[in-house]
Every structure is written in C-alpha cells, then in structure tokens.
Amino acid sequence: METNFSPIENYPFLSPFIFTENPEELEVHKEALLKQLEEVWRPLAIDSCQSMEYLTAREKVFAGVIEEYYREQYKKIVESSLCTNNSFDTLSKNTHLLDSIIQTAFEYGFADLQILKERIKEDLKKELLFKKRSLPKKRKNLVLAGHKSRKLNQIQKSRIKGRC
C-alpha cells in the first residue's frame, strides 16, 4: 500500500486508514453509469432542437439512472462492510463511488454544453432586444424628470429669494 506520508511521518499503525486512489474502480463505475445513461436515453431520442424539453429530459434520465445506480452500489458496499472491521474501507468505497458519479455528471453534462451555450445566447439576445425597446422610453422619462427637477429647483430658489 502506497502512502501519502513522508518517511518521517510513516506510522505503521495508520496504514489501514490511509485513503488510496483507485482509478480502476472509478473507471468501472463511470463506464457502467455512462452505459446505463445511454441505454435509458436512446429510446427517448428527443430532438436537441427543442432545447428546453431536451435538457429537461436529459436531467430526468440522469437523475433516475444515478439514483438507481447509487442505491444498488451503496447496498453492495453496506453488505460487504458487514464482513470487515475497517469502516475506513467502507468509507473509501463510498467515496470512490461518489467520485465516479461526479465525474460521470461532468462528462454527461459536457455533451450538453453547446446547447446550453446557444440557449444562453438566445436569452441574452432577447434581453438585448427588450432593453433596446425600453431604452427610448426610459430616456424620455429621464429628460422629463430632468425638466421637472429644474423647475422644482427654480421654484425653490424663487421662494428663498422671496423670503429675503
């Protein structure tokens, strides 16, 4: 078992409690998750042109598959933990499972990045058009408010002069 401690800090009694990376286990979980996601997604085949419906469906598929996979794998982890006295081993397995889910989420989400980018562009264009339409009215109101402000200042000055 490889440790993360320097030779000075290498206490043998700590070796059962050291978290070790296990890239193979992560890859096994990721591949299984991506395969399940693809299997569930394939029959739906929602057109990506309908971006909101597409993204909503992808999110629901992801949530369902992840929930089921995590439940199954967690059950296996708990069952295997009944045979071991090392709770850190159980914690380590759960951490690897969660890491693989997080990495899978990023990979799954990256596929939708272009759609999200286009959606944000559309939203920004709509906002720009709205602002361009409302800008002349706001300028007009600003000019009117400026005129009223000047008139109020003149009235106030004339009242002050009248008192003196």
N, C-alpha and C. Protein backbone atom coordinates (compact mmCIF):
# COMPACT_ATOMS: atom_id res chain seq x y z
N MET A 1 0.84 -1.19 0.00
CA MET A 1 0.00 0.00 0.00
C MET A 1 0.88 1.24 0.00
N GLU A 2 0.66 2.10 -0.98
CA GLU A 2 1.44 3.32 -1.07
C GLU A 2 0.83 4.37 -0.14
N THR A 3 1.67 5.12 0.53
CA THR A 3 1.18 6.11 1.48
C THR A 3 1.43 7.52 0.99
N ASN A 4 0.71 8.44 1.57
CA ASN A 4 0.88 9.85 1.24
C ASN A 4 1.76 10.55 2.27
N PHE A 5 2.25 9.83 3.25
CA PHE A 5 3.07 10.41 4.30
C PHE A 5 4.54 10.41 3.90
N SER A 6 5.25 11.38 4.42
CA SER A 6 6.69 11.39 4.22
C SER A 6 7.29 10.28 5.10
N PRO A 7 8.53 9.86 4.85
CA PRO A 7 9.14 8.80 5.66
C PRO A 7 9.16 9.12 7.15
N ILE A 8 9.25 10.38 7.48
CA ILE A 8 9.29 10.76 8.88
C ILE A 8 7.93 10.50 9.54
N GLU A 9 6.86 10.70 8.78
CA GLU A 9 5.52 10.56 9.34
C GLU A 9 4.90 9.20 9.11
N ASN A 10 5.61 8.26 8.58
CA ASN A 10 5.06 6.96 8.22
C ASN A 10 4.91 6.09 9.46
N TYR A 11 3.75 6.18 10.07
CA TYR A 11 3.45 5.37 11.24
C TYR A 11 2.70 4.13 10.79
N PRO A 12 3.23 2.95 11.01
CA PRO A 12 2.62 1.72 10.51
C PRO A 12 1.19 1.50 11.00
N PHE A 13 0.86 1.95 12.19
CA PHE A 13 -0.49 1.71 12.70
C PHE A 13 -1.56 2.52 11.94
N LEU A 14 -1.13 3.53 11.17
CA LEU A 14 -2.08 4.32 10.39
C LEU A 14 -2.36 3.73 9.01
N SER A 15 -1.55 2.80 8.57
CA SER A 15 -1.67 2.30 7.20
C SER A 15 -3.06 1.76 6.85
N PRO A 16 -3.82 1.13 7.76
CA PRO A 16 -5.16 0.67 7.36
C PRO A 16 -6.14 1.83 7.12
N PHE A 17 -5.80 3.03 7.57
CA PHE A 17 -6.73 4.15 7.50
C PHE A 17 -6.38 5.17 6.41
N ILE A 18 -5.41 4.86 5.61
CA ILE A 18 -4.98 5.78 4.57
C ILE A 18 -5.87 5.60 3.34
N PHE A 19 -6.38 6.71 2.85
CA PHE A 19 -7.21 6.68 1.64
C PHE A 19 -6.29 6.55 0.42
N THR A 20 -6.54 5.55 -0.37
CA THR A 20 -5.73 5.37 -1.58
C THR A 20 -6.61 5.56 -2.80
N GLU A 21 -6.05 6.19 -3.79
CA GLU A 21 -6.76 6.39 -5.05
C GLU A 21 -6.88 5.04 -5.76
N ASN A 22 -8.00 4.86 -6.43
CA ASN A 22 -8.21 3.63 -7.17
C ASN A 22 -8.85 3.98 -8.52
N PRO A 23 -8.02 4.40 -9.48
CA PRO A 23 -8.56 4.84 -10.77
C PRO A 23 -9.33 3.75 -11.51
N GLU A 24 -8.93 2.50 -11.31
CA GLU A 24 -9.62 1.41 -12.00
C GLU A 24 -11.07 1.31 -11.52
N GLU A 25 -11.27 1.43 -10.21
CA GLU A 25 -12.62 1.37 -9.66
C GLU A 25 -13.46 2.54 -10.16
N LEU A 26 -12.86 3.73 -10.22
CA LEU A 26 -13.57 4.89 -10.75
C LEU A 26 -14.02 4.65 -12.19
N GLU A 27 -13.12 4.12 -12.99
CA GLU A 27 -13.43 3.87 -14.40
C GLU A 27 -14.52 2.83 -14.56
N VAL A 28 -14.51 1.80 -13.73
CA VAL A 28 -15.54 0.77 -13.80
C VAL A 28 -16.91 1.39 -13.52
N HIS A 29 -16.99 2.19 -12.48
CA HIS A 29 -18.26 2.86 -12.16
C HIS A 29 -18.67 3.82 -13.28
N LYS A 30 -17.72 4.62 -13.78
CA LYS A 30 -18.04 5.59 -14.83
C LYS A 30 -18.56 4.89 -16.09
N GLU A 31 -17.87 3.83 -16.50
CA GLU A 31 -18.29 3.11 -17.70
C GLU A 31 -19.68 2.50 -17.52
N ALA A 32 -19.93 1.94 -16.34
CA ALA A 32 -21.25 1.35 -16.08
C ALA A 32 -22.33 2.43 -16.10
N LEU A 33 -22.05 3.56 -15.48
CA LEU A 33 -23.02 4.66 -15.45
C LEU A 33 -23.29 5.20 -16.85
N LEU A 34 -22.23 5.47 -17.60
CA LEU A 34 -22.41 6.02 -18.95
C LEU A 34 -23.17 5.04 -19.84
N LYS A 35 -22.91 3.75 -19.67
CA LYS A 35 -23.62 2.74 -20.45
C LYS A 35 -25.10 2.76 -20.09
N GLN A 36 -25.41 2.80 -18.80
CA GLN A 36 -26.82 2.84 -18.38
C GLN A 36 -27.50 4.12 -18.86
N LEU A 37 -26.80 5.23 -18.77
CA LEU A 37 -27.37 6.50 -19.25
C LEU A 37 -27.70 6.43 -20.73
N GLU A 38 -26.79 5.86 -21.50
CA GLU A 38 -27.01 5.73 -22.94
C GLU A 38 -28.19 4.81 -23.23
N GLU A 39 -28.28 3.70 -22.49
CA GLU A 39 -29.38 2.76 -22.71
C GLU A 39 -30.74 3.38 -22.40
N VAL A 40 -30.80 4.18 -21.36
CA VAL A 40 -32.07 4.81 -20.99
C VAL A 40 -32.38 5.96 -21.94
N TRP A 41 -31.37 6.67 -22.39
CA TRP A 41 -31.58 7.84 -23.24
C TRP A 41 -31.96 7.46 -24.67
N ARG A 42 -31.35 6.41 -25.19
CA ARG A 42 -31.52 6.04 -26.59
C ARG A 42 -33.00 5.92 -27.01
N PRO A 43 -33.86 5.23 -26.28
CA PRO A 43 -35.26 5.11 -26.73
C PRO A 43 -36.02 6.44 -26.74
N LEU A 44 -35.62 7.38 -25.91
CA LEU A 44 -36.33 8.66 -25.86
C LEU A 44 -36.07 9.48 -27.12
N ALA A 45 -34.83 9.58 -27.50
CA ALA A 45 -34.42 10.27 -28.73
C ALA A 45 -35.15 11.59 -28.95
N ILE A 46 -35.09 12.45 -27.98
CA ILE A 46 -35.71 13.78 -28.11
C ILE A 46 -34.77 14.65 -28.94
N ASP A 47 -35.35 15.38 -29.87
CA ASP A 47 -34.57 16.23 -30.77
C ASP A 47 -33.94 17.38 -29.98
N SER A 48 -32.67 17.60 -30.21
CA SER A 48 -31.96 18.66 -29.49
C SER A 48 -32.37 20.06 -29.95
N CYS A 49 -33.17 20.16 -31.01
CA CYS A 49 -33.64 21.47 -31.46
C CYS A 49 -34.63 22.06 -30.45
N GLN A 50 -35.34 21.19 -29.74
CA GLN A 50 -36.26 21.63 -28.70
C GLN A 50 -35.45 21.67 -27.40
N SER A 51 -34.61 22.68 -27.28
CA SER A 51 -33.59 22.67 -26.23
C SER A 51 -34.11 22.50 -24.82
N MET A 52 -35.19 23.17 -24.47
CA MET A 52 -35.68 23.08 -23.09
C MET A 52 -36.19 21.68 -22.78
N GLU A 53 -36.98 21.12 -23.70
CA GLU A 53 -37.51 19.77 -23.50
C GLU A 53 -36.36 18.76 -23.47
N TYR A 54 -35.40 18.95 -24.35
CA TYR A 54 -34.24 18.07 -24.44
C TYR A 54 -33.45 18.08 -23.13
N LEU A 55 -33.14 19.27 -22.63
CA LEU A 55 -32.36 19.38 -21.40
C LEU A 55 -33.13 18.84 -20.19
N THR A 56 -34.42 19.09 -20.15
CA THR A 56 -35.24 18.57 -19.06
C THR A 56 -35.26 17.05 -19.07
N ALA A 57 -35.41 16.48 -20.25
CA ALA A 57 -35.42 15.02 -20.37
C ALA A 57 -34.06 14.44 -19.98
N ARG A 58 -32.99 15.07 -20.43
CA ARG A 58 -31.64 14.58 -20.08
C ARG A 58 -31.43 14.63 -18.57
N GLU A 59 -31.91 15.69 -17.95
CA GLU A 59 -31.76 15.83 -16.50
C GLU A 59 -32.53 14.73 -15.77
N LYS A 60 -33.77 14.46 -16.21
CA LYS A 60 -34.57 13.41 -15.58
C LYS A 60 -33.94 12.04 -15.76
N VAL A 61 -33.43 11.77 -16.95
CA VAL A 61 -32.76 10.49 -17.20
C VAL A 61 -31.56 10.35 -16.28
N PHE A 62 -30.76 11.41 -16.21
CA PHE A 62 -29.56 11.37 -15.37
C PHE A 62 -29.93 11.13 -13.91
N ALA A 63 -30.91 11.87 -13.41
CA ALA A 63 -31.30 11.73 -12.00
C ALA A 63 -31.79 10.31 -11.71
N GLY A 64 -32.60 9.77 -12.60
CA GLY A 64 -33.13 8.43 -12.39
C GLY A 64 -32.05 7.35 -12.40
N VAL A 65 -31.18 7.43 -13.39
CA VAL A 65 -30.12 6.42 -13.51
C VAL A 65 -29.16 6.52 -12.34
N ILE A 66 -28.76 7.72 -11.98
CA ILE A 66 -27.82 7.89 -10.88
C ILE A 66 -28.43 7.41 -9.56
N GLU A 67 -29.68 7.76 -9.34
CA GLU A 67 -30.34 7.32 -8.10
C GLU A 67 -30.36 5.80 -8.00
N GLU A 68 -30.76 5.14 -9.06
CA GLU A 68 -30.83 3.68 -9.05
C GLU A 68 -29.44 3.06 -8.90
N TYR A 69 -28.47 3.57 -9.66
CA TYR A 69 -27.12 3.02 -9.59
C TYR A 69 -26.52 3.20 -8.21
N TYR A 70 -26.68 4.40 -7.65
CA TYR A 70 -26.13 4.65 -6.32
C TYR A 70 -26.78 3.74 -5.29
N ARG A 71 -28.09 3.58 -5.37
CA ARG A 71 -28.79 2.72 -4.42
C ARG A 71 -28.24 1.28 -4.49
N GLU A 72 -28.08 0.76 -5.71
CA GLU A 72 -27.57 -0.61 -5.88
C GLU A 72 -26.15 -0.74 -5.35
N GLN A 73 -25.29 0.20 -5.74
CA GLN A 73 -23.88 0.13 -5.33
C GLN A 73 -23.71 0.35 -3.83
N TYR A 74 -24.51 1.24 -3.28
CA TYR A 74 -24.42 1.51 -1.84
C TYR A 74 -24.85 0.27 -1.05
N LYS A 75 -25.87 -0.40 -1.56
CA LYS A 75 -26.32 -1.64 -0.92
C LYS A 75 -25.19 -2.67 -0.91
N LYS A 76 -24.48 -2.77 -2.04
CA LYS A 76 -23.34 -3.70 -2.11
C LYS A 76 -22.24 -3.30 -1.13
N ILE A 77 -21.98 -2.01 -1.04
CA ILE A 77 -20.95 -1.52 -0.11
C ILE A 77 -21.32 -1.85 1.32
N VAL A 78 -22.57 -1.61 1.67
CA VAL A 78 -23.03 -1.89 3.04
C VAL A 78 -22.96 -3.38 3.33
N GLU A 79 -23.38 -4.19 2.38
CA GLU A 79 -23.32 -5.65 2.57
C GLU A 79 -21.89 -6.12 2.75
N SER A 80 -20.97 -5.58 1.97
CA SER A 80 -19.57 -6.00 2.10
C SER A 80 -18.95 -5.47 3.39
N SER A 81 -19.48 -4.36 3.89
CA SER A 81 -18.93 -3.79 5.12
C SER A 81 -19.29 -4.64 6.34
N LEU A 82 -20.30 -5.47 6.20
CA LEU A 82 -20.68 -6.34 7.31
C LEU A 82 -19.61 -7.39 7.59
N CYS A 83 -18.78 -7.64 6.59
CA CYS A 83 -17.73 -8.66 6.71
C CYS A 83 -16.37 -8.07 7.07
N THR A 84 -16.29 -6.78 7.28
CA THR A 84 -15.00 -6.15 7.57
C THR A 84 -15.08 -5.34 8.85
N ASN A 85 -13.95 -5.21 9.49
CA ASN A 85 -13.88 -4.41 10.72
C ASN A 85 -13.36 -3.00 10.45
N ASN A 86 -13.00 -2.73 9.22
CA ASN A 86 -12.40 -1.45 8.87
C ASN A 86 -13.45 -0.54 8.23
N SER A 87 -13.99 0.37 9.02
CA SER A 87 -15.01 1.28 8.50
C SER A 87 -14.41 2.27 7.50
N PHE A 88 -13.11 2.49 7.57
CA PHE A 88 -12.46 3.39 6.60
C PHE A 88 -12.47 2.78 5.20
N ASP A 89 -12.43 1.46 5.14
CA ASP A 89 -12.52 0.79 3.84
C ASP A 89 -13.90 1.03 3.23
N THR A 90 -14.93 0.94 4.05
CA THR A 90 -16.29 1.21 3.60
C THR A 90 -16.43 2.66 3.15
N LEU A 91 -15.90 3.55 3.95
CA LEU A 91 -15.93 4.98 3.60
C LEU A 91 -15.18 5.23 2.29
N SER A 92 -14.06 4.57 2.12
CA SER A 92 -13.26 4.71 0.90
C SER A 92 -14.05 4.25 -0.33
N LYS A 93 -14.73 3.12 -0.21
CA LYS A 93 -15.52 2.61 -1.35
C LYS A 93 -16.65 3.58 -1.70
N ASN A 94 -17.29 4.11 -0.68
CA ASN A 94 -18.37 5.07 -0.94
C ASN A 94 -17.81 6.34 -1.57
N THR A 95 -16.64 6.78 -1.13
CA THR A 95 -16.01 7.97 -1.71
C THR A 95 -15.68 7.73 -3.18
N HIS A 96 -15.16 6.56 -3.50
CA HIS A 96 -14.87 6.24 -4.90
C HIS A 96 -16.15 6.24 -5.73
N LEU A 97 -17.21 5.70 -5.17
CA LEU A 97 -18.48 5.68 -5.87
C LEU A 97 -18.97 7.11 -6.14
N LEU A 98 -18.93 7.94 -5.12
CA LEU A 98 -19.37 9.33 -5.29
C LEU A 98 -18.48 10.09 -6.28
N ASP A 99 -17.18 9.86 -6.22
CA ASP A 99 -16.26 10.49 -7.18
C ASP A 99 -16.62 10.10 -8.61
N SER A 100 -16.91 8.83 -8.81
CA SER A 100 -17.24 8.37 -10.16
C SER A 100 -18.55 8.99 -10.63
N ILE A 101 -19.50 9.16 -9.72
CA ILE A 101 -20.77 9.79 -10.09
C ILE A 101 -20.54 11.25 -10.48
N ILE A 102 -19.71 11.94 -9.72
CA ILE A 102 -19.41 13.34 -10.03
C ILE A 102 -18.71 13.46 -11.38
N GLN A 103 -17.74 12.61 -11.64
CA GLN A 103 -17.03 12.66 -12.92
C GLN A 103 -17.97 12.31 -14.07
N THR A 104 -18.86 11.36 -13.85
CA THR A 104 -19.83 10.99 -14.88
C THR A 104 -20.78 12.16 -15.15
N ALA A 105 -21.17 12.86 -14.09
CA ALA A 105 -22.06 14.01 -14.26
C ALA A 105 -21.40 15.05 -15.15
N PHE A 106 -20.12 15.30 -14.94
CA PHE A 106 -19.43 16.28 -15.78
C PHE A 106 -19.35 15.80 -17.22
N GLU A 107 -19.00 14.56 -17.42
CA GLU A 107 -18.92 14.04 -18.79
C GLU A 107 -20.27 14.08 -19.48
N TYR A 108 -21.30 13.70 -18.76
CA TYR A 108 -22.66 13.71 -19.31
C TYR A 108 -23.10 15.14 -19.61
N GLY A 109 -22.78 16.05 -18.71
CA GLY A 109 -23.15 17.45 -18.88
C GLY A 109 -22.38 18.15 -19.99
N PHE A 110 -21.13 17.76 -20.20
CA PHE A 110 -20.33 18.39 -21.25
C PHE A 110 -20.94 18.17 -22.62
N ALA A 111 -21.65 17.07 -22.79
CA ALA A 111 -22.30 16.80 -24.08
C ALA A 111 -23.36 17.87 -24.37
N ASP A 112 -23.93 18.47 -23.33
CA ASP A 112 -24.98 19.46 -23.50
C ASP A 112 -24.46 20.89 -23.49
N LEU A 113 -23.18 21.06 -23.39
CA LEU A 113 -22.60 22.39 -23.26
C LEU A 113 -22.94 23.29 -24.44
N GLN A 114 -22.88 22.76 -25.65
CA GLN A 114 -23.18 23.56 -26.84
C GLN A 114 -24.63 24.03 -26.82
N ILE A 115 -25.53 23.15 -26.41
CA ILE A 115 -26.94 23.51 -26.35
C ILE A 115 -27.16 24.59 -25.31
N LEU A 116 -26.52 24.44 -24.16
CA LEU A 116 -26.64 25.45 -23.11
C LEU A 116 -26.09 26.79 -23.57
N LYS A 117 -24.98 26.74 -24.28
CA LYS A 117 -24.37 27.96 -24.81
C LYS A 117 -25.33 28.67 -25.76
N GLU A 118 -25.95 27.92 -26.65
CA GLU A 118 -26.91 28.50 -27.59
C GLU A 118 -28.12 29.06 -26.85
N ARG A 119 -28.56 28.35 -25.85
CA ARG A 119 -29.72 28.81 -25.06
C ARG A 119 -29.41 30.13 -24.36
N ILE A 120 -28.24 30.23 -23.79
CA ILE A 120 -27.83 31.46 -23.11
C ILE A 120 -27.72 32.61 -24.12
N LYS A 121 -27.17 32.32 -25.31
CA LYS A 121 -27.08 33.35 -26.35
C LYS A 121 -28.47 33.86 -26.73
N GLU A 122 -29.42 32.93 -26.88
CA GLU A 122 -30.78 33.32 -27.23
C GLU A 122 -31.38 34.21 -26.14
N ASP A 123 -31.18 33.81 -24.89
CA ASP A 123 -31.70 34.60 -23.78
C ASP A 123 -31.09 35.99 -23.74
N LEU A 124 -29.79 36.07 -23.99
CA LEU A 124 -29.12 37.37 -24.00
C LEU A 124 -29.60 38.25 -25.15
N LYS A 125 -29.85 37.63 -26.30
CA LYS A 125 -30.37 38.39 -27.45
C LYS A 125 -31.76 38.93 -27.13
N LYS A 126 -32.61 38.11 -26.50
CA LYS A 126 -33.96 38.56 -26.13
C LYS A 126 -33.87 39.72 -25.14
N GLU A 127 -32.98 39.60 -24.18
CA GLU A 127 -32.82 40.66 -23.19
C GLU A 127 -32.32 41.94 -23.85
N LEU A 128 -31.38 41.81 -24.79
CA LEU A 128 -30.87 42.98 -25.51
C LEU A 128 -31.98 43.66 -26.29
N LEU A 129 -32.80 42.90 -26.99
CA LEU A 129 -33.90 43.49 -27.74
C LEU A 129 -34.88 44.21 -26.82
N PHE A 130 -35.19 43.59 -25.69
CA PHE A 130 -36.09 44.21 -24.73
C PHE A 130 -35.50 45.53 -24.22
N LYS A 131 -34.22 45.51 -23.89
CA LYS A 131 -33.57 46.73 -23.38
C LYS A 131 -33.53 47.81 -24.45
N LYS A 132 -33.27 47.41 -25.70
CA LYS A 132 -33.24 48.40 -26.78
C LYS A 132 -34.61 49.03 -26.99
N ARG A 133 -35.68 48.21 -26.83
CA ARG A 133 -37.04 48.73 -26.99
C ARG A 133 -37.42 49.66 -25.83
N SER A 134 -36.98 49.32 -24.64
CA SER A 134 -37.38 50.13 -23.48
C SER A 134 -36.47 51.33 -23.26
N LEU A 135 -35.31 51.36 -23.89
CA LEU A 135 -34.37 52.46 -23.70
C LEU A 135 -34.93 53.82 -24.14
N PRO A 136 -35.54 53.96 -25.31
CA PRO A 136 -36.07 55.28 -25.69
C PRO A 136 -37.10 55.81 -24.68
N LYS A 137 -37.96 54.94 -24.18
CA LYS A 137 -38.95 55.37 -23.20
C LYS A 137 -38.27 55.84 -21.92
N LYS A 138 -37.24 55.12 -21.51
CA LYS A 138 -36.52 55.49 -20.30
C LYS A 138 -35.77 56.80 -20.50
N ARG A 139 -35.22 57.01 -21.69
CA ARG A 139 -34.55 58.29 -21.98
C ARG A 139 -35.55 59.44 -21.90
N LYS A 140 -36.73 59.21 -22.48
CA LYS A 140 -37.77 60.24 -22.45
C LYS A 140 -38.15 60.56 -21.01
N ASN A 141 -38.34 59.52 -20.21
CA ASN A 141 -38.68 59.73 -18.79
C ASN A 141 -37.56 60.46 -18.06
N LEU A 142 -36.32 60.15 -18.42
CA LEU A 142 -35.18 60.81 -17.79
C LEU A 142 -35.16 62.30 -18.14
N VAL A 143 -35.41 62.60 -19.40
CA VAL A 143 -35.46 64.00 -19.82
C VAL A 143 -36.59 64.73 -19.10
N LEU A 144 -37.76 64.11 -19.02
CA LEU A 144 -38.89 64.73 -18.32
C LEU A 144 -38.57 64.92 -16.84
N ALA A 145 -37.93 63.95 -16.24
CA ALA A 145 -37.56 64.08 -14.82
C ALA A 145 -36.55 65.20 -14.64
N GLY A 146 -35.64 65.37 -15.60
CA GLY A 146 -34.67 66.46 -15.55
C GLY A 146 -35.35 67.82 -15.62
N HIS A 147 -36.34 67.93 -16.53
CA HIS A 147 -37.08 69.18 -16.65
C HIS A 147 -37.84 69.49 -15.35
N LYS A 148 -38.49 68.48 -14.78
CA LYS A 148 -39.23 68.68 -13.53
C LYS A 148 -38.29 69.09 -12.41
N SER A 149 -37.12 68.47 -12.39
CA SER A 149 -36.14 68.77 -11.35
C SER A 149 -35.69 70.23 -11.47
N ARG A 150 -35.42 70.67 -12.70
CA ARG A 150 -35.00 72.05 -12.91
C ARG A 150 -36.10 73.03 -12.50
N LYS A 151 -37.35 72.71 -12.85
CA LYS A 151 -38.47 73.57 -12.47
C LYS A 151 -38.60 73.65 -10.96
N LEU A 152 -38.48 72.50 -10.30
CA LEU A 152 -38.56 72.50 -8.83
C LEU A 152 -37.44 73.31 -8.21
N ASN A 153 -36.25 73.21 -8.78
CA ASN A 153 -35.11 74.00 -8.28
C ASN A 153 -35.38 75.50 -8.46
N GLN A 154 -35.95 75.88 -9.62
CA GLN A 154 -36.26 77.28 -9.87
C GLN A 154 -37.32 77.79 -8.90
N ILE A 155 -38.34 76.99 -8.67
CA ILE A 155 -39.41 77.38 -7.74
C ILE A 155 -38.84 77.54 -6.34
N GLN A 156 -37.99 76.59 -5.95
CA GLN A 156 -37.38 76.64 -4.62
C GLN A 156 -36.49 77.87 -4.48
N LYS A 157 -35.73 78.19 -5.51
CA LYS A 157 -34.86 79.37 -5.47
C LYS A 157 -35.70 80.64 -5.39
N SER A 158 -36.79 80.69 -6.15
CA SER A 158 -37.63 81.90 -6.12
C SER A 158 -38.30 82.07 -4.76
N ARG A 159 -38.65 81.01 -4.09
CA ARG A 159 -39.24 81.10 -2.75
C ARG A 159 -38.20 81.61 -1.76
N ILE A 160 -36.97 81.12 -1.90
CA ILE A 160 -35.89 81.57 -0.99
C ILE A 160 -35.63 83.04 -1.21
N LYS A 161 -35.62 83.50 -2.48
CA LYS A 161 -35.40 84.92 -2.77
C LYS A 161 -36.56 85.77 -2.24
N GLY A 162 -37.77 85.21 -2.31
CA GLY A 162 -38.95 85.95 -1.83
C GLY A 162 -38.93 86.15 -0.33
N ARG A 163 -38.31 85.30 0.41
CA ARG A 163 -38.24 85.40 1.87
C ARG A 163 -37.20 86.44 2.29
N CYS A 164 -36.22 86.65 1.49
CA CYS A 164 -35.13 87.56 1.85
C CYS A 164 -35.48 88.98 1.67
